[in-house]
Amino acid sequence: MKNVLLKLLLMGSLLIMASVAHAQSDEPPEGGPMPDDPTAVPIDGGASLLLAAGVGLGVRQLRRRKTAK
């Protein structure tokens, strides 16, 4: 039983490693726009929504503390 489990584990590991090795690319595909600064991170509406949610939660907590006293 232990030998069968060991063989299954080995086969599964080999299959996973083969699929990971096959999925890796040598270099990025050609074409498409290249950014001027490759380290630039676009900050869009997501960051501002997170900031607004944080401010809203902070105001809510302050109001709860004020009414609890």
C-alpha atoms as a PDB file:
ATOM      1  CA  MET A   1       0.000   0.000   0.000  1.00  0.00           C
ATOM      2  CA  LYS A   2       2.805   2.396   0.929  1.00  0.00           C
ATOM      3  CA  ASN A   3       4.621   1.580  -2.310  1.00  0.00           C
ATOM      4  CA  VAL A   4       1.523   2.371  -4.385  1.00  0.00           C
ATOM      5  CA  LEU A   5       1.036   5.726  -2.646  1.00  0.00           C
ATOM      6  CA  LEU A   6       4.693   6.579  -3.200  1.00  0.00           C
ATOM      7  CA  LYS A   7       4.389   5.786  -6.915  1.00  0.00           C
ATOM      8  CA  LEU A   8       1.220   7.883  -7.223  1.00  0.00           C
ATOM      9  CA  LEU A   9       2.877  10.788  -5.453  1.00  0.00           C
ATOM     10  CA  LEU A  10       5.901  10.549  -7.722  1.00  0.00           C
ATOM     11  CA  MET A  11       3.775  10.409 -10.883  1.00  0.00           C
ATOM     12  CA  GLY A  12       1.641  13.330  -9.727  1.00  0.00           C
ATOM     13  CA  SER A  13       4.733  15.394  -8.922  1.00  0.00           C
ATOM     14  CA  LEU A  14       6.224  14.670 -12.337  1.00  0.00           C
ATOM     15  CA  LEU A  15       3.007  15.688 -14.075  1.00  0.00           C
ATOM     16  CA  ILE A  16       2.817  18.953 -12.149  1.00  0.00           C
ATOM     17  CA  MET A  17       6.479  19.788 -12.794  1.00  0.00           C
ATOM     18  CA  ALA A  18       6.092  19.041 -16.502  1.00  0.00           C
ATOM     19  CA  SER A  19       3.055  21.282 -16.821  1.00  0.00           C
ATOM     20  CA  VAL A  20       4.794  24.120 -14.966  1.00  0.00           C
ATOM     21  CA  ALA A  21       7.909  23.811 -17.121  1.00  0.00           C
ATOM     22  CA  HIS A  22       5.783  23.812 -20.279  1.00  0.00           C
ATOM     23  CA  ALA A  23       3.878  26.932 -19.186  1.00  0.00           C
ATOM     24  CA  GLN A  24       7.008  29.069 -18.778  1.00  0.00           C
ATOM     25  CA  SER A  25       7.992  31.353 -21.629  1.00  0.00           C
ATOM     26  CA  ASP A  26      11.500  32.238 -22.762  1.00  0.00           C
ATOM     27  CA  GLU A  27      10.829  35.893 -23.510  1.00  0.00           C
ATOM     28  CA  PRO A  28       7.792  38.171 -23.692  1.00  0.00           C
ATOM     29  CA  PRO A  29       5.861  38.269 -26.966  1.00  0.00           C
ATOM     30  CA  GLU A  30       6.630  41.006 -29.454  1.00  0.00           C
ATOM     31  CA  GLY A  31       4.306  43.882 -30.198  1.00  0.00           C
ATOM     32  CA  GLY A  32       2.086  46.075 -28.114  1.00  0.00           C
ATOM     33  CA  PRO A  33       2.874  49.372 -26.436  1.00  0.00           C
ATOM     34  CA  MET A  34       5.959  49.529 -24.262  1.00  0.00           C
ATOM     35  CA  PRO A  35       5.793  51.734 -21.142  1.00  0.00           C
ATOM     36  CA  ASP A  36       8.206  54.649 -20.835  1.00  0.00           C
ATOM     37  CA  ASP A  37       9.094  53.668 -17.279  1.00  0.00           C
ATOM     38  CA  PRO A  38       8.806  49.908 -16.641  1.00  0.00           C
ATOM     39  CA  THR A  39       8.593  50.459 -12.873  1.00  0.00           C
ATOM     40  CA  ALA A  40       5.616  52.817 -13.137  1.00  0.00           C
ATOM     41  CA  VAL A  41       2.486  51.485 -11.477  1.00  0.00           C
ATOM     42  CA  PRO A  42      -0.860  52.766 -12.725  1.00  0.00           C
ATOM     43  CA  ILE A  43      -3.014  54.004  -9.868  1.00  0.00           C
ATOM     44  CA  ASP A  44      -6.622  54.124 -10.960  1.00  0.00           C
ATOM     45  CA  GLY A  45     -10.020  54.216  -9.288  1.00  0.00           C
ATOM     46  CA  GLY A  46      -9.309  51.134  -7.178  1.00  0.00           C
ATOM     47  CA  ALA A  47      -6.851  52.914  -4.904  1.00  0.00           C
ATOM     48  CA  SER A  48      -9.165  55.875  -4.424  1.00  0.00           C
ATOM     49  CA  LEU A  49     -12.056  53.535  -3.583  1.00  0.00           C
ATOM     50  CA  LEU A  50      -9.932  51.782  -0.965  1.00  0.00           C
ATOM     51  CA  LEU A  51      -8.954  55.137   0.508  1.00  0.00           C
ATOM     52  CA  ALA A  52     -12.589  56.268   0.617  1.00  0.00           C
ATOM     53  CA  ALA A  53     -13.633  53.006   2.271  1.00  0.00           C
ATOM     54  CA  GLY A  54     -10.911  53.429   4.901  1.00  0.00           C
ATOM     55  CA  VAL A  55     -12.024  56.973   5.659  1.00  0.00           C
ATOM     56  CA  GLY A  56     -15.645  55.827   5.867  1.00  0.00           C
ATOM     57  CA  LEU A  57     -14.798  53.041   8.306  1.00  0.00           C
ATOM     58  CA  GLY A  58     -12.729  55.434  10.412  1.00  0.00           C
ATOM     59  CA  VAL A  59     -15.587  57.946  10.625  1.00  0.00           C
ATOM     60  CA  ARG A  60     -17.997  55.156  11.534  1.00  0.00           C
ATOM     61  CA  GLN A  61     -15.749  53.955  14.352  1.00  0.00           C
ATOM     62  CA  LEU A  62     -15.329  57.475  15.712  1.00  0.00           C
ATOM     63  CA  ARG A  63     -19.101  58.016  15.718  1.00  0.00           C
ATOM     64  CA  ARG A  64     -19.661  54.694  17.506  1.00  0.00           C
ATOM     65  CA  ARG A  65     -17.122  55.599  20.180  1.00  0.00           C
ATOM     66  CA  LYS A  66     -18.683  59.026  20.638  1.00  0.00           C
ATOM     67  CA  THR A  67     -22.223  57.634  21.109  1.00  0.00           C
ATOM     68  CA  ALA A  68     -21.040  54.783  23.373  1.00  0.00           C
ATOM     69  CA  LYS A  69     -19.581  57.160  26.016  1.00  0.00           C
END
